[in-house]
Amino acid sequence: MKKIFLSAIIATTLFSCKKEAEKTEENLTEKDSIANVTPENLPSTASLKALNPQETTDFLQKKNDTLYVTNFFATWCGPCVREIPHFKEKIAELKGKPVKITFISLDSKEVWNSEVPRFVDKQGIRNNTILLDGGQLDENFFKNNFKQWDGGAIPFTYMRKGDQVDEYLGMMTPELLDSKIASFK
C-alpha cells in the first residue's frame, strides 16, 4: 500500500511540474525579448551532443581563464524553465568574452529525439545544450564533481574559472546570476 501511495505522489508531482513548465514556457515566450524568435526561424542544424558521466566530469574540470557556467535542467522542471531567459540574456551580453554558458539536460533518453529538441529550439538554446543520461549518474559522480549537489533536485548551476568554483542549487534570479558571474572577475 505504501508503494502505491508513494508512486501516486511521485506521478502527481511529475505531472504537475510538467504542466507548470508548459504554462511557464508559454509565458516566457511572450515576455522574453531575446526569445521572440520562433522555432521555424532558429537554425536547427546543430545536433544535440550527448555526454557520458566521465565526459561530463572532464567538461566540468576544465581549468583555464574562461568562466564555465553550467546549468543542469530538465524540460519538465518549472524553475528550470523560468531561469533560462536569465542565462540567455547573459549569453548575449557576454558574447565575445571568455565566458561559456552551457545547459545540461537531464531529461530521460526516451525524449532526447522528441521533447528535448523541440524545447531547446523553442527556448533558443540548442547550440548551448548538452544531453546527459541521468540514469547513468551514481553517488560517486556527484561526490567527485560537487561539494553541495547530490543530484536530488534541479536546477543546479556550477561555475568554474581556473581553481575558483561556485555552486548554486535552485532557481537563479537575474541579480543572483549577475553577482555570481561578477565574483569571478
N, C-alpha and C. Protein backbone atom coordinates (compact mmCIF):
# COMPACT_ATOMS: atom_id res chain seq x y z
N MET A 1 0.82 -1.19 0.00
CA MET A 1 0.00 0.00 0.00
C MET A 1 0.87 1.26 0.00
N LYS A 2 1.97 1.23 0.79
CA LYS A 2 2.87 2.38 0.85
C LYS A 2 3.49 2.65 -0.52
N LYS A 3 3.86 1.57 -1.23
CA LYS A 3 4.47 1.73 -2.55
C LYS A 3 3.48 2.36 -3.53
N ILE A 4 2.25 1.96 -3.48
CA ILE A 4 1.23 2.52 -4.38
C ILE A 4 1.02 4.00 -4.07
N PHE A 5 0.94 4.32 -2.78
CA PHE A 5 0.74 5.70 -2.36
C PHE A 5 1.93 6.57 -2.79
N LEU A 6 3.16 6.06 -2.55
CA LEU A 6 4.36 6.79 -2.93
C LEU A 6 4.43 6.98 -4.44
N SER A 7 4.10 5.95 -5.19
CA SER A 7 4.10 6.06 -6.66
C SER A 7 3.09 7.09 -7.14
N ALA A 8 1.92 7.13 -6.50
CA ALA A 8 0.90 8.11 -6.88
C ALA A 8 1.38 9.53 -6.61
N ILE A 9 2.05 9.73 -5.48
CA ILE A 9 2.58 11.07 -5.14
C ILE A 9 3.64 11.49 -6.16
N ILE A 10 4.55 10.59 -6.49
CA ILE A 10 5.61 10.91 -7.45
C ILE A 10 5.01 11.23 -8.82
N ALA A 11 4.07 10.41 -9.26
CA ALA A 11 3.44 10.64 -10.57
C ALA A 11 2.72 11.98 -10.60
N THR A 12 2.01 12.31 -9.52
CA THR A 12 1.30 13.59 -9.45
C THR A 12 2.28 14.76 -9.48
N THR A 13 3.39 14.63 -8.74
CA THR A 13 4.38 15.69 -8.71
C THR A 13 4.99 15.92 -10.09
N LEU A 14 5.39 14.84 -10.75
CA LEU A 14 5.99 14.97 -12.08
C LEU A 14 4.99 15.57 -13.07
N PHE A 15 3.74 15.12 -13.02
CA PHE A 15 2.72 15.65 -13.91
C PHE A 15 2.52 17.13 -13.65
N SER A 16 2.49 17.53 -12.38
CA SER A 16 2.29 18.94 -12.03
C SER A 16 3.45 19.79 -12.53
N CYS A 17 4.68 19.29 -12.34
CA CYS A 17 5.85 20.03 -12.81
C CYS A 17 5.82 20.21 -14.31
N LYS A 18 5.41 19.16 -15.02
CA LYS A 18 5.36 19.24 -16.49
C LYS A 18 4.33 20.28 -16.91
N LYS A 19 3.15 20.28 -16.28
CA LYS A 19 2.12 21.25 -16.63
C LYS A 19 2.61 22.66 -16.34
N GLU A 20 3.30 22.83 -15.18
CA GLU A 20 3.82 24.15 -14.82
C GLU A 20 4.84 24.60 -15.85
N ALA A 21 5.70 23.68 -16.30
CA ALA A 21 6.71 24.02 -17.30
C ALA A 21 6.06 24.46 -18.60
N GLU A 22 4.99 23.77 -19.01
CA GLU A 22 4.31 24.15 -20.25
C GLU A 22 3.72 25.54 -20.13
N LYS A 23 3.07 25.84 -19.00
CA LYS A 23 2.49 27.17 -18.81
C LYS A 23 3.60 28.22 -18.80
N THR A 24 4.69 27.92 -18.11
CA THR A 24 5.79 28.86 -17.99
C THR A 24 6.41 29.12 -19.35
N GLU A 25 6.59 28.08 -20.17
CA GLU A 25 7.17 28.27 -21.49
C GLU A 25 6.33 29.23 -22.32
N GLU A 26 5.01 29.10 -22.24
CA GLU A 26 4.13 30.00 -22.98
C GLU A 26 4.32 31.43 -22.51
N ASN A 27 4.39 31.65 -21.20
CA ASN A 27 4.54 32.99 -20.65
C ASN A 27 5.90 33.58 -21.00
N LEU A 28 6.97 32.76 -20.95
CA LEU A 28 8.30 33.26 -21.23
C LEU A 28 8.45 33.69 -22.67
N THR A 29 7.84 32.97 -23.57
CA THR A 29 7.96 33.31 -24.99
C THR A 29 7.39 34.69 -25.25
N GLU A 30 6.33 35.05 -24.54
CA GLU A 30 5.73 36.36 -24.73
C GLU A 30 6.56 37.47 -24.10
N LYS A 31 7.17 37.22 -22.94
CA LYS A 31 7.84 38.27 -22.18
C LYS A 31 9.33 38.40 -22.48
N ASP A 32 9.97 37.37 -23.00
CA ASP A 32 11.40 37.37 -23.21
C ASP A 32 11.76 37.99 -24.55
N SER A 33 12.35 39.17 -24.51
CA SER A 33 12.65 39.86 -25.76
C SER A 33 13.70 39.12 -26.59
N ILE A 34 14.57 38.39 -25.93
CA ILE A 34 15.57 37.63 -26.67
C ILE A 34 14.93 36.41 -27.32
N ALA A 35 13.90 35.85 -26.67
CA ALA A 35 13.30 34.61 -27.16
C ALA A 35 12.16 34.85 -28.14
N ASN A 36 12.01 36.07 -28.64
CA ASN A 36 10.94 36.32 -29.58
C ASN A 36 11.29 35.83 -30.98
N VAL A 37 11.94 34.69 -31.01
CA VAL A 37 12.28 34.04 -32.26
C VAL A 37 11.53 32.72 -32.27
N THR A 38 10.79 32.48 -33.30
CA THR A 38 10.02 31.25 -33.36
C THR A 38 10.92 30.10 -33.78
N PRO A 39 10.57 28.87 -33.40
CA PRO A 39 11.42 27.73 -33.76
C PRO A 39 11.69 27.62 -35.25
N GLU A 40 10.76 28.05 -36.10
CA GLU A 40 10.99 27.98 -37.54
C GLU A 40 12.16 28.85 -37.96
N ASN A 41 12.42 29.94 -37.23
CA ASN A 41 13.48 30.87 -37.58
C ASN A 41 14.83 30.50 -36.97
N LEU A 42 14.83 29.50 -36.11
CA LEU A 42 16.07 29.12 -35.46
C LEU A 42 16.87 28.15 -36.33
N PRO A 43 18.19 28.28 -36.31
CA PRO A 43 18.98 27.31 -37.05
C PRO A 43 18.97 25.97 -36.31
N SER A 44 18.47 24.93 -36.95
CA SER A 44 18.35 23.63 -36.31
C SER A 44 19.42 22.67 -36.79
N THR A 45 20.48 23.19 -37.35
CA THR A 45 21.48 22.31 -37.92
C THR A 45 22.36 21.66 -36.86
N ALA A 46 22.53 22.29 -35.73
CA ALA A 46 23.37 21.72 -34.69
C ALA A 46 22.63 20.58 -34.00
N SER A 47 23.25 19.41 -34.01
CA SER A 47 22.62 18.30 -33.31
C SER A 47 23.03 18.39 -31.84
N LEU A 48 22.20 17.81 -31.01
CA LEU A 48 22.47 17.84 -29.58
C LEU A 48 23.51 16.76 -29.25
N LYS A 49 24.54 17.17 -28.57
CA LYS A 49 25.62 16.27 -28.22
C LYS A 49 25.28 15.60 -26.88
N ALA A 50 25.53 14.31 -26.80
CA ALA A 50 25.32 13.56 -25.56
C ALA A 50 26.67 13.23 -24.95
N LEU A 51 26.78 13.44 -23.65
CA LEU A 51 28.00 13.09 -22.92
C LEU A 51 27.70 11.96 -21.96
N ASN A 52 28.70 11.13 -21.70
CA ASN A 52 28.58 10.13 -20.64
C ASN A 52 29.09 10.77 -19.35
N PRO A 53 28.94 10.11 -18.21
CA PRO A 53 29.38 10.73 -16.95
C PRO A 53 30.86 11.14 -16.94
N GLN A 54 31.75 10.31 -17.50
CA GLN A 54 33.17 10.66 -17.49
C GLN A 54 33.44 11.88 -18.36
N GLU A 55 32.82 11.96 -19.53
CA GLU A 55 32.98 13.14 -20.39
C GLU A 55 32.44 14.39 -19.71
N THR A 56 31.37 14.23 -18.95
CA THR A 56 30.80 15.36 -18.22
C THR A 56 31.77 15.81 -17.14
N THR A 57 32.37 14.86 -16.43
CA THR A 57 33.37 15.20 -15.41
C THR A 57 34.53 15.95 -16.05
N ASP A 58 35.00 15.47 -17.19
CA ASP A 58 36.10 16.15 -17.88
C ASP A 58 35.71 17.58 -18.26
N PHE A 59 34.48 17.75 -18.74
CA PHE A 59 33.98 19.08 -19.11
C PHE A 59 33.93 19.99 -17.88
N LEU A 60 33.44 19.47 -16.77
CA LEU A 60 33.30 20.28 -15.54
C LEU A 60 34.66 20.64 -14.94
N GLN A 61 35.69 19.85 -15.20
CA GLN A 61 37.00 20.05 -14.59
C GLN A 61 37.91 20.99 -15.38
N LYS A 62 37.46 21.52 -16.51
CA LYS A 62 38.31 22.41 -17.31
C LYS A 62 38.79 23.57 -16.45
N LYS A 63 40.10 23.80 -16.52
CA LYS A 63 40.70 24.89 -15.75
C LYS A 63 41.52 25.76 -16.69
N ASN A 64 41.01 26.96 -16.94
CA ASN A 64 41.76 27.94 -17.72
C ASN A 64 41.18 29.32 -17.38
N ASP A 65 41.41 30.30 -18.25
CA ASP A 65 40.94 31.66 -17.93
C ASP A 65 39.51 31.91 -18.42
N THR A 66 38.82 30.88 -18.87
CA THR A 66 37.42 31.00 -19.28
C THR A 66 36.52 30.67 -18.09
N LEU A 67 35.45 31.43 -17.93
CA LEU A 67 34.45 31.12 -16.91
C LEU A 67 33.44 30.17 -17.54
N TYR A 68 33.33 28.98 -16.99
CA TYR A 68 32.36 27.99 -17.45
C TYR A 68 31.16 28.01 -16.51
N VAL A 69 30.01 28.34 -17.05
CA VAL A 69 28.75 28.35 -16.29
C VAL A 69 27.92 27.19 -16.84
N THR A 70 27.67 26.21 -15.99
CA THR A 70 26.96 25.00 -16.42
C THR A 70 25.67 24.87 -15.63
N ASN A 71 24.56 24.85 -16.34
CA ASN A 71 23.24 24.78 -15.72
C ASN A 71 22.61 23.42 -16.01
N PHE A 72 22.34 22.66 -14.96
CA PHE A 72 21.68 21.37 -15.09
C PHE A 72 20.17 21.58 -14.98
N PHE A 73 19.42 21.08 -15.97
CA PHE A 73 17.98 21.34 -16.02
C PHE A 73 17.25 20.14 -16.61
N ALA A 74 15.93 20.23 -16.63
CA ALA A 74 15.08 19.27 -17.35
C ALA A 74 13.91 20.07 -17.94
N THR A 75 13.40 19.59 -19.05
CA THR A 75 12.33 20.32 -19.75
C THR A 75 11.06 20.39 -18.92
N TRP A 76 10.85 19.46 -18.01
CA TRP A 76 9.63 19.40 -17.22
C TRP A 76 9.73 20.18 -15.91
N CYS A 77 10.87 20.77 -15.63
CA CYS A 77 11.13 21.46 -14.36
C CYS A 77 10.76 22.94 -14.49
N GLY A 78 9.68 23.35 -13.81
CA GLY A 78 9.22 24.74 -13.87
C GLY A 78 10.28 25.77 -13.51
N PRO A 79 10.96 25.64 -12.35
CA PRO A 79 12.01 26.61 -12.01
C PRO A 79 13.14 26.66 -13.04
N CYS A 80 13.46 25.50 -13.62
CA CYS A 80 14.50 25.46 -14.66
C CYS A 80 14.09 26.32 -15.85
N VAL A 81 12.84 26.15 -16.27
CA VAL A 81 12.33 26.88 -17.43
C VAL A 81 12.31 28.38 -17.15
N ARG A 82 11.92 28.76 -15.93
CA ARG A 82 11.83 30.18 -15.59
C ARG A 82 13.18 30.88 -15.57
N GLU A 83 14.25 30.15 -15.28
CA GLU A 83 15.56 30.82 -15.20
C GLU A 83 16.31 30.86 -16.53
N ILE A 84 15.89 30.09 -17.51
CA ILE A 84 16.59 30.05 -18.79
C ILE A 84 16.73 31.44 -19.43
N PRO A 85 15.69 32.29 -19.43
CA PRO A 85 15.87 33.63 -20.02
C PRO A 85 17.00 34.44 -19.38
N HIS A 86 17.23 34.27 -18.09
CA HIS A 86 18.32 35.00 -17.42
C HIS A 86 19.67 34.57 -18.00
N PHE A 87 19.83 33.27 -18.21
CA PHE A 87 21.07 32.76 -18.78
C PHE A 87 21.21 33.21 -20.24
N LYS A 88 20.11 33.21 -20.98
CA LYS A 88 20.16 33.66 -22.37
C LYS A 88 20.58 35.12 -22.47
N GLU A 89 20.09 35.95 -21.57
CA GLU A 89 20.49 37.36 -21.55
C GLU A 89 22.00 37.47 -21.32
N LYS A 90 22.53 36.64 -20.44
CA LYS A 90 23.97 36.66 -20.15
C LYS A 90 24.77 36.18 -21.36
N ILE A 91 24.25 35.18 -22.07
CA ILE A 91 24.93 34.69 -23.28
C ILE A 91 25.07 35.84 -24.27
N ALA A 92 23.99 36.59 -24.48
CA ALA A 92 24.02 37.72 -25.41
C ALA A 92 24.93 38.84 -24.90
N GLU A 93 24.81 39.14 -23.62
CA GLU A 93 25.59 40.24 -23.02
C GLU A 93 27.09 39.95 -23.04
N LEU A 94 27.47 38.71 -22.82
CA LEU A 94 28.89 38.35 -22.68
C LEU A 94 29.49 37.75 -23.94
N LYS A 95 28.78 37.88 -25.06
CA LYS A 95 29.28 37.34 -26.33
C LYS A 95 30.65 37.93 -26.63
N GLY A 96 31.58 37.06 -27.00
CA GLY A 96 32.93 37.50 -27.32
C GLY A 96 33.85 37.58 -26.12
N LYS A 97 33.32 37.36 -24.92
CA LYS A 97 34.13 37.39 -23.70
C LYS A 97 34.45 35.95 -23.30
N PRO A 98 35.44 35.76 -22.43
CA PRO A 98 35.81 34.39 -22.04
C PRO A 98 34.83 33.77 -21.03
N VAL A 99 33.59 33.62 -21.48
CA VAL A 99 32.54 33.02 -20.66
C VAL A 99 31.80 32.03 -21.55
N LYS A 100 31.62 30.81 -21.06
CA LYS A 100 30.90 29.78 -21.81
C LYS A 100 29.75 29.28 -20.93
N ILE A 101 28.52 29.53 -21.38
CA ILE A 101 27.33 29.09 -20.65
C ILE A 101 26.77 27.86 -21.37
N THR A 102 26.61 26.80 -20.61
CA THR A 102 26.14 25.53 -21.15
C THR A 102 24.98 25.01 -20.32
N PHE A 103 23.99 24.48 -21.00
CA PHE A 103 22.85 23.83 -20.35
C PHE A 103 23.04 22.33 -20.51
N ILE A 104 22.89 21.58 -19.41
CA ILE A 104 22.96 20.13 -19.49
C ILE A 104 21.58 19.57 -19.15
N SER A 105 20.96 18.96 -20.15
CA SER A 105 19.63 18.39 -19.98
C SER A 105 19.73 17.03 -19.31
N LEU A 106 19.00 16.87 -18.22
CA LEU A 106 18.95 15.60 -17.51
C LEU A 106 17.68 14.83 -17.85
N ASP A 107 17.01 15.21 -18.92
CA ASP A 107 15.81 14.51 -19.36
C ASP A 107 16.17 13.06 -19.71
N SER A 108 15.18 12.18 -19.61
CA SER A 108 15.43 10.76 -19.92
C SER A 108 15.73 10.58 -21.40
N LYS A 109 16.48 9.53 -21.70
CA LYS A 109 16.88 9.26 -23.09
C LYS A 109 15.69 9.10 -24.02
N GLU A 110 14.56 8.67 -23.48
CA GLU A 110 13.37 8.45 -24.30
C GLU A 110 12.90 9.72 -25.00
N VAL A 111 13.22 10.89 -24.46
CA VAL A 111 12.74 12.15 -25.06
C VAL A 111 13.88 12.96 -25.71
N TRP A 112 15.05 12.37 -25.84
CA TRP A 112 16.19 13.07 -26.44
C TRP A 112 15.94 13.45 -27.89
N ASN A 113 15.16 12.67 -28.60
CA ASN A 113 14.93 12.95 -30.02
C ASN A 113 13.56 13.56 -30.28
N SER A 114 12.82 13.88 -29.24
CA SER A 114 11.48 14.45 -29.44
C SER A 114 11.30 15.71 -28.60
N GLU A 115 11.02 15.56 -27.33
CA GLU A 115 10.72 16.71 -26.48
C GLU A 115 11.92 17.65 -26.28
N VAL A 116 13.09 17.10 -26.05
CA VAL A 116 14.25 17.96 -25.78
C VAL A 116 14.59 18.85 -26.97
N PRO A 117 14.70 18.32 -28.19
CA PRO A 117 14.99 19.22 -29.33
C PRO A 117 13.92 20.30 -29.51
N ARG A 118 12.66 19.94 -29.37
CA ARG A 118 11.60 20.95 -29.50
C ARG A 118 11.75 22.03 -28.43
N PHE A 119 12.03 21.60 -27.20
CA PHE A 119 12.17 22.53 -26.08
C PHE A 119 13.36 23.48 -26.30
N VAL A 120 14.53 22.93 -26.62
CA VAL A 120 15.72 23.79 -26.77
C VAL A 120 15.59 24.72 -27.97
N ASP A 121 14.89 24.27 -29.02
CA ASP A 121 14.63 25.16 -30.15
C ASP A 121 13.69 26.29 -29.75
N LYS A 122 12.64 25.95 -29.02
CA LYS A 122 11.68 26.97 -28.58
C LYS A 122 12.36 28.00 -27.66
N GLN A 123 13.26 27.51 -26.81
CA GLN A 123 13.97 28.40 -25.89
C GLN A 123 15.15 29.12 -26.55
N GLY A 124 15.57 28.64 -27.72
CA GLY A 124 16.71 29.25 -28.41
C GLY A 124 18.04 28.90 -27.78
N ILE A 125 18.16 27.69 -27.21
CA ILE A 125 19.40 27.31 -26.53
C ILE A 125 20.03 26.04 -27.11
N ARG A 126 19.65 25.66 -28.32
CA ARG A 126 20.16 24.42 -28.92
C ARG A 126 21.68 24.39 -28.94
N ASN A 127 22.30 25.47 -29.38
CA ASN A 127 23.76 25.49 -29.53
C ASN A 127 24.49 25.49 -28.19
N ASN A 128 23.77 25.66 -27.10
CA ASN A 128 24.38 25.68 -25.77
C ASN A 128 23.96 24.48 -24.92
N THR A 129 23.31 23.49 -25.51
CA THR A 129 22.74 22.39 -24.74
C THR A 129 23.45 21.07 -25.01
N ILE A 130 23.68 20.34 -23.94
CA ILE A 130 24.27 19.01 -23.97
C ILE A 130 23.30 18.05 -23.28
N LEU A 131 23.25 16.82 -23.75
CA LEU A 131 22.41 15.79 -23.15
C LEU A 131 23.25 14.92 -22.21
N LEU A 132 22.65 14.55 -21.08
CA LEU A 132 23.31 13.67 -20.13
C LEU A 132 22.27 12.71 -19.58
N ASP A 133 22.54 11.43 -19.70
CA ASP A 133 21.61 10.41 -19.20
C ASP A 133 21.75 10.34 -17.68
N GLY A 134 20.79 10.95 -17.00
CA GLY A 134 20.80 10.96 -15.54
C GLY A 134 20.77 9.58 -14.93
N GLY A 135 20.26 8.59 -15.67
CA GLY A 135 20.23 7.22 -15.18
C GLY A 135 21.62 6.61 -15.02
N GLN A 136 22.61 7.20 -15.68
CA GLN A 136 23.99 6.70 -15.57
C GLN A 136 24.75 7.33 -14.41
N LEU A 137 24.15 8.34 -13.78
CA LEU A 137 24.85 9.05 -12.72
C LEU A 137 24.68 8.33 -11.39
N ASP A 138 25.80 8.11 -10.73
CA ASP A 138 25.75 7.46 -9.43
C ASP A 138 26.28 8.40 -8.35
N GLU A 139 26.29 7.90 -7.14
CA GLU A 139 26.73 8.70 -5.99
C GLU A 139 28.15 9.22 -6.18
N ASN A 140 29.02 8.41 -6.77
CA ASN A 140 30.41 8.83 -6.98
C ASN A 140 30.51 10.01 -7.94
N PHE A 141 29.66 10.04 -8.97
CA PHE A 141 29.68 11.17 -9.90
C PHE A 141 29.47 12.48 -9.15
N PHE A 142 28.48 12.50 -8.27
CA PHE A 142 28.17 13.73 -7.53
C PHE A 142 29.26 14.05 -6.51
N LYS A 143 29.75 13.06 -5.79
CA LYS A 143 30.81 13.28 -4.79
C LYS A 143 32.10 13.78 -5.44
N ASN A 144 32.41 13.25 -6.63
CA ASN A 144 33.66 13.62 -7.29
C ASN A 144 33.61 14.99 -7.97
N ASN A 145 32.41 15.50 -8.26
CA ASN A 145 32.30 16.74 -9.02
C ASN A 145 31.78 17.94 -8.23
N PHE A 146 31.03 17.69 -7.17
CA PHE A 146 30.36 18.79 -6.49
C PHE A 146 30.49 18.69 -4.98
N LYS A 147 30.51 19.84 -4.32
CA LYS A 147 30.53 19.87 -2.85
C LYS A 147 29.11 19.82 -2.30
N GLN A 148 28.17 20.50 -2.97
CA GLN A 148 26.81 20.63 -2.44
C GLN A 148 25.79 19.69 -3.09
N TRP A 149 25.90 19.46 -4.37
CA TRP A 149 24.82 18.80 -5.12
C TRP A 149 24.94 17.30 -5.07
N ASP A 150 23.85 16.64 -4.68
CA ASP A 150 23.81 15.18 -4.67
C ASP A 150 22.89 14.64 -5.77
N GLY A 151 22.42 15.52 -6.66
CA GLY A 151 21.56 15.11 -7.76
C GLY A 151 20.10 15.01 -7.40
N GLY A 152 19.75 15.35 -6.16
CA GLY A 152 18.37 15.19 -5.70
C GLY A 152 17.40 16.25 -6.17
N ALA A 153 17.89 17.38 -6.68
CA ALA A 153 17.00 18.46 -7.11
C ALA A 153 17.68 19.26 -8.21
N ILE A 154 16.86 19.90 -9.01
CA ILE A 154 17.33 20.82 -10.04
C ILE A 154 16.42 22.04 -10.02
N PRO A 155 16.80 23.15 -10.56
CA PRO A 155 18.02 23.42 -11.31
C PRO A 155 19.24 23.52 -10.39
N PHE A 156 20.38 23.25 -11.00
CA PHE A 156 21.66 23.36 -10.30
C PHE A 156 22.63 24.03 -11.26
N THR A 157 23.37 25.02 -10.75
CA THR A 157 24.32 25.74 -11.58
C THR A 157 25.71 25.61 -10.98
N TYR A 158 26.66 25.23 -11.82
CA TYR A 158 28.05 25.03 -11.43
C TYR A 158 28.90 26.00 -12.24
N MET A 159 29.76 26.77 -11.56
CA MET A 159 30.63 27.72 -12.24
C MET A 159 32.08 27.42 -11.89
N ARG A 160 32.93 27.52 -12.90
CA ARG A 160 34.36 27.30 -12.67
C ARG A 160 35.17 28.22 -13.57
N LYS A 161 36.20 28.82 -12.96
CA LYS A 161 37.21 29.57 -13.71
C LYS A 161 38.53 29.26 -13.01
N GLY A 162 39.38 28.56 -13.70
CA GLY A 162 40.63 28.13 -13.06
C GLY A 162 40.32 27.24 -11.87
N ASP A 163 40.82 27.63 -10.70
CA ASP A 163 40.57 26.86 -9.47
C ASP A 163 39.38 27.38 -8.68
N GLN A 164 38.82 28.51 -9.11
CA GLN A 164 37.67 29.09 -8.40
C GLN A 164 36.39 28.40 -8.84
N VAL A 165 35.57 27.99 -7.87
CA VAL A 165 34.33 27.25 -8.15
C VAL A 165 33.19 27.86 -7.34
N ASP A 166 32.00 27.84 -7.94
CA ASP A 166 30.79 28.25 -7.24
C ASP A 166 29.68 27.28 -7.62
N GLU A 167 28.87 26.90 -6.64
CA GLU A 167 27.74 26.00 -6.87
C GLU A 167 26.48 26.65 -6.32
N TYR A 168 25.38 26.47 -7.05
CA TYR A 168 24.10 27.01 -6.58
C TYR A 168 22.97 26.05 -6.91
N LEU A 169 22.26 25.62 -5.89
CA LEU A 169 21.11 24.75 -6.06
C LEU A 169 19.85 25.59 -5.94
N GLY A 170 19.05 25.60 -6.99
CA GLY A 170 17.82 26.38 -7.00
C GLY A 170 17.79 27.31 -8.20
N MET A 171 16.67 28.02 -8.31
CA MET A 171 16.48 28.90 -9.45
C MET A 171 17.27 30.20 -9.28
N MET A 172 17.97 30.58 -10.33
CA MET A 172 18.75 31.81 -10.33
C MET A 172 17.88 32.99 -10.74
N THR A 173 17.96 34.06 -9.99
CA THR A 173 17.35 35.33 -10.40
C THR A 173 18.39 36.06 -11.25
N PRO A 174 17.96 37.04 -12.03
CA PRO A 174 18.96 37.79 -12.82
C PRO A 174 20.03 38.44 -11.93
N GLU A 175 19.61 38.97 -10.79
CA GLU A 175 20.56 39.63 -9.88
C GLU A 175 21.57 38.65 -9.30
N LEU A 176 21.09 37.47 -8.93
CA LEU A 176 21.99 36.46 -8.37
C LEU A 176 22.98 35.98 -9.43
N LEU A 177 22.50 35.73 -10.62
CA LEU A 177 23.38 35.30 -11.70
C LEU A 177 24.42 36.38 -11.99
N ASP A 178 24.00 37.64 -12.04
CA ASP A 178 24.95 38.74 -12.25
C ASP A 178 26.03 38.75 -11.18
N SER A 179 25.62 38.64 -9.91
CA SER A 179 26.59 38.73 -8.81
C SER A 179 27.54 37.54 -8.81
N LYS A 180 27.05 36.37 -9.13
CA LYS A 180 27.92 35.19 -9.14
C LYS A 180 28.93 35.29 -10.29
N ILE A 181 28.48 35.73 -11.46
CA ILE A 181 29.42 35.89 -12.57
C ILE A 181 30.44 36.98 -12.26
N ALA A 182 29.97 38.09 -11.67
CA ALA A 182 30.87 39.20 -11.32
C ALA A 182 31.93 38.77 -10.30
N SER A 183 31.62 37.81 -9.45
CA SER A 183 32.58 37.36 -8.43
C SER A 183 33.79 36.65 -9.03
N PHE A 184 33.72 36.29 -10.29
CA PHE A 184 34.83 35.60 -10.95
C PHE A 184 35.77 36.55 -11.68
N LYS A 185 35.53 37.83 -11.64
CA LYS A 185 36.39 38.78 -12.39
C LYS A 185 37.61 39.16 -11.63
